[in-house]
Every structure is written in structure tokens, then in C-alpha cells.
């Protein structure tokens, strides 16, 4: 059974940093065609994808809103994906979710096909004050 467990959220002031962790179990973390992503949902808004990575190639992708401030890394021994968030802004306040897409169909940028993410963690809250 696939499980994703996030941690690392908290409250920080604008300009601060946080590192979120997502521990995965129930599948081979870095096998071919395995994608992991971070989504976030702010109060009153729809959930949005912000970053994704092909855990076999370790090729990351970031949406424009976080590009240059957030980075992804992974530990294949601990089956953990990290989201390092720097220069946080109040607009980054949201519940952050880790998700996995295992063996997604299609070709090319299959890790960016958000509809294929069907395994989710419980979320971790990030609050950034001005």
C-alpha cells in the first residue's frame, strides 16, 4: 500500500525558510516512470501544483510562482522527497501536499500530467506572516 507522510510545516516570517519532507513507502521510490510532486491549497482557493520531479532521473519542474525560491531534492535510501522553501512570502501560506504518480501513461513530460497523481499525503500547514 502506497503511503506518503509529510512533515516540516510551520509558521515563519516573510523571507524565512522551511524544508518540507515527504516519506514514501509501498513502492520503489526511484524506479523508472515514478513522479512525485508538491501541491498546495490556500484557504478559499483550489489546489495547485507547484513542483514535480521524476525520481528516476531527478529532473525537477517548478511553476513560475516558486521558481528560484524553492528546490527539490531526494534521498533514495530514506525514500524521502524534500521541498526546500526559501524567501517565503505571505502568498505561500497554504496546506502543502505530497503526491505520487506511479507509472503514468503518455510520453514526454508525464510528470506534469497532474491528473495522474492519485496517491496523496495528509498535508502539512505552512503559514508565512508579513
N, C-alpha and C. Protein backbone atom coordinates (compact mmCIF):
# COMPACT_ATOMS: atom_id res chain seq x y z
N UNK A 1 0.85 -1.20 0.00
CA UNK A 1 0.00 0.00 0.00
C UNK A 1 0.88 1.24 0.00
N UNK A 2 0.61 2.13 -0.92
CA UNK A 2 1.38 3.37 -1.02
C UNK A 2 0.99 4.30 0.11
N UNK A 3 1.99 4.83 0.78
CA UNK A 3 1.76 5.84 1.81
C UNK A 3 2.74 6.98 1.63
N UNK A 4 2.25 8.18 1.84
CA UNK A 4 3.06 9.39 1.79
C UNK A 4 2.81 10.16 3.07
N UNK A 5 3.88 10.53 3.74
CA UNK A 5 3.75 11.24 5.01
C UNK A 5 4.59 12.50 4.96
N UNK A 6 3.91 13.64 5.03
CA UNK A 6 4.59 14.93 5.00
C UNK A 6 4.91 15.40 6.41
N UNK A 7 5.93 16.23 6.50
CA UNK A 7 6.26 16.90 7.75
C UNK A 7 7.08 18.14 7.42
N UNK A 8 7.30 18.97 8.43
CA UNK A 8 8.17 20.12 8.26
C UNK A 8 7.47 21.46 8.15
N UNK A 9 6.15 21.44 8.11
CA UNK A 9 5.45 22.70 8.04
C UNK A 9 5.59 23.49 9.33
N UNK A 10 5.14 24.73 9.29
CA UNK A 10 5.22 25.57 10.46
C UNK A 10 4.90 27.00 10.12
N UNK A 11 5.20 27.87 11.06
CA UNK A 11 4.95 29.31 10.89
C UNK A 11 6.27 30.04 10.85
N UNK A 12 6.43 30.88 9.85
CA UNK A 12 7.64 31.67 9.70
C UNK A 12 7.27 33.07 9.27
N UNK A 13 8.20 33.97 9.39
CA UNK A 13 8.01 35.33 8.89
C UNK A 13 8.44 35.39 7.43
N UNK A 14 7.92 36.39 6.75
CA UNK A 14 8.30 36.58 5.34
C UNK A 14 9.82 36.68 5.23
N UNK A 15 10.33 36.03 4.20
CA UNK A 15 11.76 35.97 4.00
C UNK A 15 12.42 34.77 4.63
N UNK A 16 11.68 34.05 5.44
CA UNK A 16 12.23 32.88 6.11
C UNK A 16 12.23 31.65 5.22
N UNK A 17 12.64 30.55 5.82
CA UNK A 17 12.77 29.29 5.08
C UNK A 17 12.15 28.14 5.86
N UNK A 18 11.70 27.15 5.13
CA UNK A 18 11.23 25.89 5.69
C UNK A 18 11.63 24.78 4.75
N UNK A 19 11.80 23.59 5.30
CA UNK A 19 12.03 22.42 4.48
C UNK A 19 10.96 21.38 4.78
N UNK A 20 10.20 21.04 3.78
CA UNK A 20 9.18 20.01 3.92
C UNK A 20 9.76 18.66 3.50
N UNK A 21 9.30 17.63 4.18
CA UNK A 21 9.73 16.27 3.86
C UNK A 21 8.51 15.43 3.52
N UNK A 22 8.71 14.48 2.64
CA UNK A 22 7.66 13.53 2.27
C UNK A 22 8.30 12.15 2.24
N UNK A 23 7.94 11.33 3.20
CA UNK A 23 8.46 9.97 3.26
C UNK A 23 7.49 9.04 2.55
N UNK A 24 8.01 8.32 1.58
CA UNK A 24 7.18 7.42 0.77
C UNK A 24 7.43 5.97 1.14
N UNK A 25 6.39 5.18 1.07
CA UNK A 25 6.51 3.74 1.30
C UNK A 25 5.50 3.02 0.43
N UNK A 26 5.76 1.72 0.22
CA UNK A 26 4.84 0.90 -0.54
C UNK A 26 5.15 0.80 -2.01
N UNK A 27 6.23 1.44 -2.46
CA UNK A 27 6.65 1.32 -3.85
C UNK A 27 8.14 1.64 -3.94
N UNK A 28 8.72 1.30 -5.07
CA UNK A 28 10.15 1.58 -5.26
C UNK A 28 10.33 3.04 -5.61
N UNK A 29 10.95 3.76 -4.73
CA UNK A 29 10.97 5.23 -4.76
C UNK A 29 11.53 5.78 -6.06
N UNK A 30 12.61 5.25 -6.57
CA UNK A 30 13.28 5.86 -7.72
C UNK A 30 13.21 4.97 -8.96
N UNK A 31 12.19 4.17 -9.06
CA UNK A 31 12.06 3.33 -10.25
C UNK A 31 11.67 4.19 -11.44
N UNK A 32 11.83 3.63 -12.62
CA UNK A 32 11.50 4.35 -13.84
C UNK A 32 10.03 4.76 -13.86
N UNK A 33 9.77 5.93 -14.43
CA UNK A 33 8.41 6.47 -14.57
C UNK A 33 7.70 6.56 -13.22
N UNK A 34 8.43 7.11 -12.26
CA UNK A 34 7.83 7.41 -10.97
C UNK A 34 7.94 8.91 -10.75
N UNK A 35 6.82 9.55 -10.51
CA UNK A 35 6.80 11.01 -10.36
C UNK A 35 6.29 11.35 -8.96
N UNK A 36 6.88 12.38 -8.40
CA UNK A 36 6.38 12.92 -7.15
C UNK A 36 6.23 14.44 -7.31
N UNK A 37 5.29 14.97 -6.58
CA UNK A 37 5.01 16.40 -6.72
C UNK A 37 4.55 16.97 -5.39
N UNK A 38 4.66 18.28 -5.31
CA UNK A 38 4.10 19.04 -4.20
C UNK A 38 2.98 19.92 -4.75
N UNK A 39 1.87 19.86 -4.06
CA UNK A 39 0.73 20.72 -4.34
C UNK A 39 0.49 21.57 -3.10
N UNK A 40 -0.26 22.63 -3.28
CA UNK A 40 -0.67 23.42 -2.12
C UNK A 40 -2.07 23.95 -2.33
N UNK A 41 -2.73 24.18 -1.22
CA UNK A 41 -4.08 24.73 -1.27
C UNK A 41 -4.22 25.78 -0.19
N UNK A 42 -4.43 27.00 -0.65
CA UNK A 42 -4.65 28.11 0.27
C UNK A 42 -6.13 28.21 0.59
N UNK A 43 -6.47 28.81 1.72
CA UNK A 43 -7.89 28.95 2.09
C UNK A 43 -8.69 29.64 0.99
N UNK A 44 -9.79 29.01 0.60
CA UNK A 44 -10.66 29.60 -0.40
C UNK A 44 -10.18 29.47 -1.83
N UNK A 45 -9.09 28.73 -2.02
CA UNK A 45 -8.55 28.57 -3.37
C UNK A 45 -8.48 27.09 -3.74
N UNK A 46 -8.37 26.84 -5.03
CA UNK A 46 -8.23 25.46 -5.48
C UNK A 46 -6.79 24.99 -5.28
N UNK A 47 -6.64 23.69 -5.19
CA UNK A 47 -5.31 23.12 -5.02
C UNK A 47 -4.50 23.32 -6.30
N UNK A 48 -3.25 23.67 -6.16
CA UNK A 48 -2.40 23.92 -7.30
C UNK A 48 -1.09 23.14 -7.15
N UNK A 49 -0.59 22.68 -8.28
CA UNK A 49 0.71 22.02 -8.30
C UNK A 49 1.79 23.09 -8.32
N UNK A 50 2.86 22.87 -7.58
CA UNK A 50 3.94 23.85 -7.56
C UNK A 50 5.28 23.26 -7.98
N UNK A 51 5.47 21.97 -7.83
CA UNK A 51 6.76 21.37 -8.17
C UNK A 51 6.58 19.88 -8.40
N UNK A 52 7.40 19.36 -9.27
CA UNK A 52 7.34 17.92 -9.55
C UNK A 52 8.74 17.42 -9.89
N UNK A 53 8.91 16.12 -9.75
CA UNK A 53 10.21 15.55 -10.07
C UNK A 53 10.02 14.11 -10.53
N UNK A 54 10.80 13.75 -11.52
CA UNK A 54 10.90 12.36 -11.94
C UNK A 54 11.97 11.74 -11.04
N UNK A 55 11.58 10.86 -10.14
CA UNK A 55 12.53 10.38 -9.14
C UNK A 55 13.56 9.42 -9.72
N UNK A 56 13.36 8.97 -10.96
CA UNK A 56 14.39 8.14 -11.60
C UNK A 56 15.48 9.02 -12.19
N UNK A 57 15.10 10.09 -12.84
CA UNK A 57 16.07 10.99 -13.47
C UNK A 57 16.45 12.17 -12.59
N UNK A 58 15.65 12.42 -11.55
CA UNK A 58 15.81 13.56 -10.64
C UNK A 58 15.71 14.89 -11.38
N UNK A 59 14.92 14.88 -12.43
CA UNK A 59 14.70 16.12 -13.17
C UNK A 59 13.53 16.85 -12.54
N UNK A 60 13.73 18.09 -12.06
CA UNK A 60 12.66 18.81 -11.38
C UNK A 60 11.93 19.78 -12.30
N UNK A 61 10.78 20.20 -11.84
CA UNK A 61 10.00 21.22 -12.54
C UNK A 61 9.35 22.09 -11.47
N UNK A 62 9.30 23.41 -11.71
CA UNK A 62 8.69 24.34 -10.77
C UNK A 62 7.78 25.29 -11.53
N UNK A 63 6.67 25.63 -10.91
CA UNK A 63 5.82 26.66 -11.50
C UNK A 63 6.50 28.01 -11.29
N UNK A 64 6.08 28.99 -12.07
CA UNK A 64 6.72 30.30 -12.05
C UNK A 64 6.68 30.95 -10.66
N UNK A 65 5.60 30.72 -9.92
CA UNK A 65 5.43 31.39 -8.63
C UNK A 65 6.50 31.01 -7.61
N UNK A 66 7.13 29.84 -7.79
CA UNK A 66 8.11 29.38 -6.80
C UNK A 66 9.49 29.18 -7.41
N UNK A 67 9.57 29.30 -8.73
CA UNK A 67 10.86 29.12 -9.40
C UNK A 67 11.90 30.07 -8.82
N UNK A 68 13.07 29.54 -8.52
CA UNK A 68 14.14 30.35 -7.96
C UNK A 68 14.11 30.47 -6.45
N UNK A 69 12.99 30.12 -5.82
CA UNK A 69 12.89 30.18 -4.35
C UNK A 69 12.80 28.79 -3.74
N UNK A 70 12.19 27.87 -4.45
CA UNK A 70 12.00 26.50 -3.95
C UNK A 70 12.91 25.56 -4.72
N UNK A 71 13.40 24.54 -4.03
CA UNK A 71 14.18 23.49 -4.68
C UNK A 71 13.71 22.12 -4.20
N UNK A 72 13.96 21.13 -5.01
CA UNK A 72 13.62 19.75 -4.69
C UNK A 72 14.88 18.93 -4.54
N UNK A 73 14.86 17.99 -3.62
CA UNK A 73 15.93 17.01 -3.51
C UNK A 73 15.33 15.72 -3.01
N UNK A 74 16.06 14.66 -3.14
CA UNK A 74 15.53 13.37 -2.72
C UNK A 74 16.62 12.51 -2.11
N UNK A 75 16.21 11.66 -1.22
CA UNK A 75 17.10 10.68 -0.59
C UNK A 75 16.56 9.30 -0.94
N UNK A 76 17.26 8.62 -1.83
CA UNK A 76 16.77 7.33 -2.31
C UNK A 76 16.93 6.21 -1.28
N UNK A 77 17.74 6.43 -0.29
CA UNK A 77 17.89 5.43 0.78
C UNK A 77 16.74 5.56 1.77
N UNK A 78 16.40 6.80 2.09
CA UNK A 78 15.32 7.05 3.05
C UNK A 78 13.96 7.19 2.38
N UNK A 79 13.94 7.05 1.03
CA UNK A 79 12.67 7.19 0.28
C UNK A 79 11.96 8.50 0.63
N UNK A 80 12.71 9.57 0.61
CA UNK A 80 12.19 10.85 1.05
C UNK A 80 12.41 11.92 -0.02
N UNK A 81 11.38 12.70 -0.24
CA UNK A 81 11.44 13.86 -1.11
C UNK A 81 11.40 15.11 -0.24
N UNK A 82 12.27 16.05 -0.55
CA UNK A 82 12.34 17.29 0.22
C UNK A 82 11.95 18.48 -0.67
N UNK A 83 11.26 19.41 -0.07
CA UNK A 83 10.97 20.69 -0.71
C UNK A 83 11.58 21.78 0.16
N UNK A 84 12.67 22.35 -0.31
CA UNK A 84 13.30 23.47 0.40
C UNK A 84 12.66 24.76 -0.08
N UNK A 85 12.11 25.50 0.85
CA UNK A 85 11.41 26.73 0.51
C UNK A 85 12.15 27.91 1.14
N UNK A 86 12.67 28.77 0.30
CA UNK A 86 13.40 29.95 0.76
C UNK A 86 12.66 31.22 0.37
N UNK A 87 13.02 32.30 1.04
CA UNK A 87 12.42 33.60 0.74
C UNK A 87 10.89 33.50 0.71
N UNK A 88 10.35 32.92 1.72
CA UNK A 88 8.91 32.70 1.76
C UNK A 88 8.13 34.01 1.82
N UNK A 89 6.98 33.98 1.19
CA UNK A 89 6.10 35.15 1.11
C UNK A 89 4.76 34.80 1.75
N UNK A 90 4.02 35.79 2.22
CA UNK A 90 2.68 35.50 2.77
C UNK A 90 1.80 34.73 1.79
N UNK A 91 2.02 34.96 0.50
CA UNK A 91 1.23 34.27 -0.51
C UNK A 91 1.53 32.77 -0.57
N UNK A 92 2.59 32.34 0.09
CA UNK A 92 2.92 30.91 0.15
C UNK A 92 2.15 30.18 1.24
N UNK A 93 1.40 30.91 2.03
CA UNK A 93 0.61 30.29 3.09
C UNK A 93 -0.42 29.35 2.49
N UNK A 94 -0.36 28.09 2.92
CA UNK A 94 -1.25 27.06 2.37
C UNK A 94 -0.99 25.74 3.08
N UNK A 95 -1.88 24.80 2.82
CA UNK A 95 -1.62 23.42 3.20
C UNK A 95 -0.84 22.80 2.05
N UNK A 96 0.27 22.17 2.34
CA UNK A 96 1.12 21.59 1.32
C UNK A 96 0.97 20.06 1.35
N UNK A 97 0.77 19.51 0.15
CA UNK A 97 0.56 18.08 0.00
C UNK A 97 1.63 17.47 -0.90
N UNK A 98 2.06 16.31 -0.52
CA UNK A 98 2.94 15.49 -1.36
C UNK A 98 2.06 14.50 -2.11
N UNK A 99 2.43 14.23 -3.35
CA UNK A 99 1.65 13.29 -4.16
C UNK A 99 2.57 12.47 -5.04
N UNK A 100 2.08 11.31 -5.44
CA UNK A 100 2.86 10.43 -6.31
C UNK A 100 2.02 9.97 -7.49
N UNK A 101 2.71 9.84 -8.61
CA UNK A 101 2.12 9.30 -9.83
C UNK A 101 3.00 8.13 -10.26
N UNK A 102 2.47 6.94 -10.18
CA UNK A 102 3.26 5.75 -10.43
C UNK A 102 2.94 5.19 -11.82
N UNK A 103 3.97 5.06 -12.62
CA UNK A 103 3.84 4.56 -14.00
C UNK A 103 2.78 5.32 -14.79
N UNK A 104 2.87 6.64 -14.86
CA UNK A 104 1.86 7.40 -15.60
C UNK A 104 1.91 7.09 -17.09
N UNK A 105 0.77 7.18 -17.74
CA UNK A 105 0.75 6.93 -19.18
C UNK A 105 1.32 8.12 -19.94
N UNK A 106 1.46 7.94 -21.23
CA UNK A 106 1.87 9.05 -22.08
C UNK A 106 3.37 9.12 -22.27
N UNK A 107 3.77 10.13 -23.02
CA UNK A 107 5.17 10.32 -23.33
C UNK A 107 5.56 11.74 -22.98
N UNK A 108 6.85 12.02 -23.01
CA UNK A 108 7.30 13.38 -22.76
C UNK A 108 7.21 13.75 -21.29
N UNK A 109 6.62 14.87 -21.02
CA UNK A 109 6.56 15.43 -19.66
C UNK A 109 5.44 14.79 -18.85
N UNK A 110 5.54 13.49 -18.66
CA UNK A 110 4.44 12.78 -17.98
C UNK A 110 4.34 13.16 -16.52
N UNK A 111 5.41 13.65 -15.91
CA UNK A 111 5.33 14.07 -14.52
C UNK A 111 4.55 15.37 -14.34
N UNK A 112 4.24 16.03 -15.44
CA UNK A 112 3.48 17.27 -15.36
C UNK A 112 2.00 17.06 -15.67
N UNK A 113 1.62 15.80 -15.82
CA UNK A 113 0.20 15.48 -16.02
C UNK A 113 -0.44 15.33 -14.65
N UNK A 114 -0.92 16.44 -14.10
CA UNK A 114 -1.35 16.48 -12.71
C UNK A 114 -2.50 15.53 -12.42
N UNK A 115 -3.31 15.22 -13.40
CA UNK A 115 -4.45 14.35 -13.14
C UNK A 115 -4.02 12.93 -12.78
N UNK A 116 -2.77 12.59 -13.08
CA UNK A 116 -2.29 11.23 -12.80
C UNK A 116 -1.79 11.04 -11.37
N UNK A 117 -1.76 12.11 -10.60
CA UNK A 117 -1.31 11.99 -9.21
C UNK A 117 -2.48 11.48 -8.38
N UNK A 118 -2.39 10.22 -8.00
CA UNK A 118 -3.52 9.60 -7.30
C UNK A 118 -3.14 9.02 -5.95
N UNK A 119 -1.96 9.35 -5.47
CA UNK A 119 -1.57 8.97 -4.11
C UNK A 119 -1.18 10.24 -3.38
N UNK A 120 -1.76 10.44 -2.21
CA UNK A 120 -1.63 11.72 -1.52
C UNK A 120 -1.27 11.53 -0.05
N UNK A 121 -0.52 12.48 0.46
CA UNK A 121 -0.29 12.54 1.89
C UNK A 121 -1.39 13.33 2.57
N UNK A 122 -1.25 13.49 3.87
CA UNK A 122 -2.29 14.16 4.65
C UNK A 122 -2.13 15.67 4.68
N UNK A 123 -0.96 16.14 4.27
CA UNK A 123 -0.72 17.57 4.21
C UNK A 123 0.02 18.10 5.43
N UNK A 124 0.71 19.21 5.22
CA UNK A 124 1.38 19.91 6.31
C UNK A 124 1.19 21.41 6.09
N UNK A 125 0.85 22.11 7.14
CA UNK A 125 0.48 23.52 7.04
C UNK A 125 1.71 24.42 7.06
N UNK A 126 1.73 25.36 6.14
CA UNK A 126 2.77 26.39 6.10
C UNK A 126 2.08 27.74 6.23
N UNK A 127 2.53 28.53 7.19
CA UNK A 127 1.96 29.86 7.41
C UNK A 127 3.10 30.87 7.41
N UNK A 128 2.98 31.87 6.54
CA UNK A 128 4.00 32.89 6.42
C UNK A 128 3.38 34.23 6.78
N UNK A 129 3.93 34.87 7.77
CA UNK A 129 3.40 36.16 8.22
C UNK A 129 4.27 37.30 7.69
N UNK A 130 3.61 38.42 7.47
CA UNK A 130 4.33 39.58 6.93
C UNK A 130 4.95 40.43 8.02
